[in-house]
């Protein structure tokens, strides 16, 4: 269930901090959010897929840690990212 290359490149271009950026917290959170959304749709069809559910929980935990780090380091970048992704209320 990996992201398509073109889709991944589009997400990286949208959320990157500078021209050569591929690993900033913003990019990582955006990619994880996309994969989490895909897995959420997957579980609507396959409710008993517990192995993939564990992977989903690991991704959610990783995204939470990255967001916590970003909030501590740069609250402005955190708020703009959360607003653009629409992941917190």
C-alpha atoms as a PDB file:
ATOM      1  CA  UNK A   1       0.000   0.000   0.000  1.00  0.00           C
ATOM      2  CA  UNK A   2       2.845   2.374  -0.782  1.00  0.00           C
ATOM      3  CA  UNK A   3       2.162   5.748  -2.319  1.00  0.00           C
ATOM      4  CA  UNK A   4       2.626   6.172  -6.047  1.00  0.00           C
ATOM      5  CA  UNK A   5       5.808   7.991  -7.009  1.00  0.00           C
ATOM      6  CA  UNK A   6       4.032  10.933  -8.637  1.00  0.00           C
ATOM      7  CA  UNK A   7       1.703  11.368  -5.685  1.00  0.00           C
ATOM      8  CA  UNK A   8       4.606  11.244  -3.243  1.00  0.00           C
ATOM      9  CA  UNK A   9       6.528  13.847  -5.246  1.00  0.00           C
ATOM     10  CA  UNK A  10       3.496  16.152  -5.269  1.00  0.00           C
ATOM     11  CA  UNK A  11       3.178  15.921  -1.484  1.00  0.00           C
ATOM     12  CA  UNK A  12       6.897  16.592  -1.041  1.00  0.00           C
ATOM     13  CA  UNK A  13       6.747  19.637  -3.334  1.00  0.00           C
ATOM     14  CA  UNK A  14       3.764  21.038  -1.489  1.00  0.00           C
ATOM     15  CA  UNK A  15       5.135  20.717   2.057  1.00  0.00           C
ATOM     16  CA  UNK A  16       8.907  21.063   1.621  1.00  0.00           C
ATOM     17  CA  UNK A  17      10.759  23.830   3.442  1.00  0.00           C
ATOM     18  CA  UNK A  18      13.397  24.458   0.774  1.00  0.00           C
ATOM     19  CA  UNK A  19      14.203  23.281  -2.752  1.00  0.00           C
ATOM     20  CA  UNK A  20      16.173  20.167  -1.775  1.00  0.00           C
ATOM     21  CA  UNK A  21      14.045  19.158   1.216  1.00  0.00           C
ATOM     22  CA  UNK A  22      12.712  15.604   1.418  1.00  0.00           C
ATOM     23  CA  UNK A  23      12.937  14.819   5.131  1.00  0.00           C
ATOM     24  CA  UNK A  24      11.689  17.773   7.135  1.00  0.00           C
ATOM     25  CA  UNK A  25       9.024  17.102   9.763  1.00  0.00           C
ATOM     26  CA  UNK A  26       6.407  18.788   7.582  1.00  0.00           C
ATOM     27  CA  UNK A  27       7.080  16.425   4.689  1.00  0.00           C
ATOM     28  CA  UNK A  28       7.172  13.371   6.946  1.00  0.00           C
ATOM     29  CA  UNK A  29       3.885  14.294   8.631  1.00  0.00           C
ATOM     30  CA  UNK A  30       2.210  14.972   5.282  1.00  0.00           C
ATOM     31  CA  UNK A  31       3.315  11.610   3.864  1.00  0.00           C
ATOM     32  CA  UNK A  32       2.240   9.779   7.011  1.00  0.00           C
ATOM     33  CA  UNK A  33      -1.124  11.551   6.972  1.00  0.00           C
ATOM     34  CA  UNK A  34      -1.731  10.421   3.399  1.00  0.00           C
ATOM     35  CA  UNK A  35      -0.837   6.807   4.230  1.00  0.00           C
ATOM     36  CA  UNK A  36      -3.027   6.927   7.353  1.00  0.00           C
ATOM     37  CA  UNK A  37      -5.952   8.169   5.264  1.00  0.00           C
ATOM     38  CA  UNK A  38      -5.450   5.331   2.769  1.00  0.00           C
ATOM     39  CA  UNK A  39      -5.332   2.719   5.518  1.00  0.00           C
ATOM     40  CA  UNK A  40      -8.442   4.176   7.136  1.00  0.00           C
ATOM     41  CA  UNK A  41     -10.312   3.651   3.871  1.00  0.00           C
ATOM     42  CA  UNK A  42      -8.872   0.136   3.659  1.00  0.00           C
ATOM     43  CA  UNK A  43     -10.311  -0.743   7.068  1.00  0.00           C
ATOM     44  CA  UNK A  44     -13.799   0.253   5.971  1.00  0.00           C
ATOM     45  CA  UNK A  45     -13.715  -2.742   3.633  1.00  0.00           C
ATOM     46  CA  UNK A  46     -11.497  -5.124   5.589  1.00  0.00           C
ATOM     47  CA  UNK A  47     -12.463  -4.791   9.229  1.00  0.00           C
ATOM     48  CA  UNK A  48     -10.598  -7.891  10.399  1.00  0.00           C
ATOM     49  CA  UNK A  49      -7.193  -6.943   8.990  1.00  0.00           C
ATOM     50  CA  UNK A  50      -5.434  -6.727  12.350  1.00  0.00           C
ATOM     51  CA  UNK A  51      -1.899  -6.918  10.964  1.00  0.00           C
ATOM     52  CA  UNK A  52      -2.376  -3.736   8.957  1.00  0.00           C
ATOM     53  CA  UNK A  53      -4.115  -2.136  11.931  1.00  0.00           C
ATOM     54  CA  UNK A  54      -0.913  -2.505  13.931  1.00  0.00           C
ATOM     55  CA  UNK A  55       0.974  -0.715  11.178  1.00  0.00           C
ATOM     56  CA  UNK A  56      -1.620   2.041  11.225  1.00  0.00           C
ATOM     57  CA  UNK A  57      -1.197   2.503  14.971  1.00  0.00           C
ATOM     58  CA  UNK A  58       2.586   2.717  14.550  1.00  0.00           C
ATOM     59  CA  UNK A  59       2.160   5.376  11.847  1.00  0.00           C
ATOM     60  CA  UNK A  60      -0.222   7.399  14.019  1.00  0.00           C
ATOM     61  CA  UNK A  61       2.242   7.246  16.926  1.00  0.00           C
ATOM     62  CA  UNK A  62       5.131   8.335  14.700  1.00  0.00           C
ATOM     63  CA  UNK A  63       3.081  11.239  13.311  1.00  0.00           C
ATOM     64  CA  UNK A  64       2.151  12.275  16.857  1.00  0.00           C
ATOM     65  CA  UNK A  65       5.831  12.317  17.895  1.00  0.00           C
ATOM     66  CA  UNK A  66       6.811  14.357  14.832  1.00  0.00           C
ATOM     67  CA  UNK A  67       4.029  16.864  15.510  1.00  0.00           C
ATOM     68  CA  UNK A  68       5.081  17.142  19.148  1.00  0.00           C
ATOM     69  CA  UNK A  69       8.661  17.845  18.063  1.00  0.00           C
ATOM     70  CA  UNK A  70       7.547  20.440  15.532  1.00  0.00           C
ATOM     71  CA  UNK A  71       5.295  22.143  18.083  1.00  0.00           C
ATOM     72  CA  UNK A  72       8.202  22.459  20.531  1.00  0.00           C
ATOM     73  CA  UNK A  73      10.720  23.696  17.941  1.00  0.00           C
ATOM     74  CA  UNK A  74       8.565  25.959  15.797  1.00  0.00           C
ATOM     75  CA  UNK A  75       4.955  26.602  16.854  1.00  0.00           C
ATOM     76  CA  UNK A  76       4.300  28.713  13.744  1.00  0.00           C
ATOM     77  CA  UNK A  77       5.322  25.909  11.350  1.00  0.00           C
ATOM     78  CA  UNK A  78       3.287  23.482  13.467  1.00  0.00           C
ATOM     79  CA  UNK A  79       0.108  25.552  13.284  1.00  0.00           C
ATOM     80  CA  UNK A  80       0.360  26.120   9.527  1.00  0.00           C
ATOM     81  CA  UNK A  81       0.966  22.402   8.917  1.00  0.00           C
ATOM     82  CA  UNK A  82      -1.922  21.290  11.113  1.00  0.00           C
ATOM     83  CA  UNK A  83      -4.213  23.817   9.442  1.00  0.00           C
ATOM     84  CA  UNK A  84      -3.229  22.798   5.917  1.00  0.00           C
ATOM     85  CA  UNK A  85      -3.605  19.073   6.651  1.00  0.00           C
ATOM     86  CA  UNK A  86      -6.742  19.498   8.756  1.00  0.00           C
ATOM     87  CA  UNK A  87      -5.690  16.901  11.331  1.00  0.00           C
ATOM     88  CA  UNK A  88      -6.441  18.703  14.600  1.00  0.00           C
ATOM     89  CA  UNK A  89      -9.506  20.621  15.691  1.00  0.00           C
END
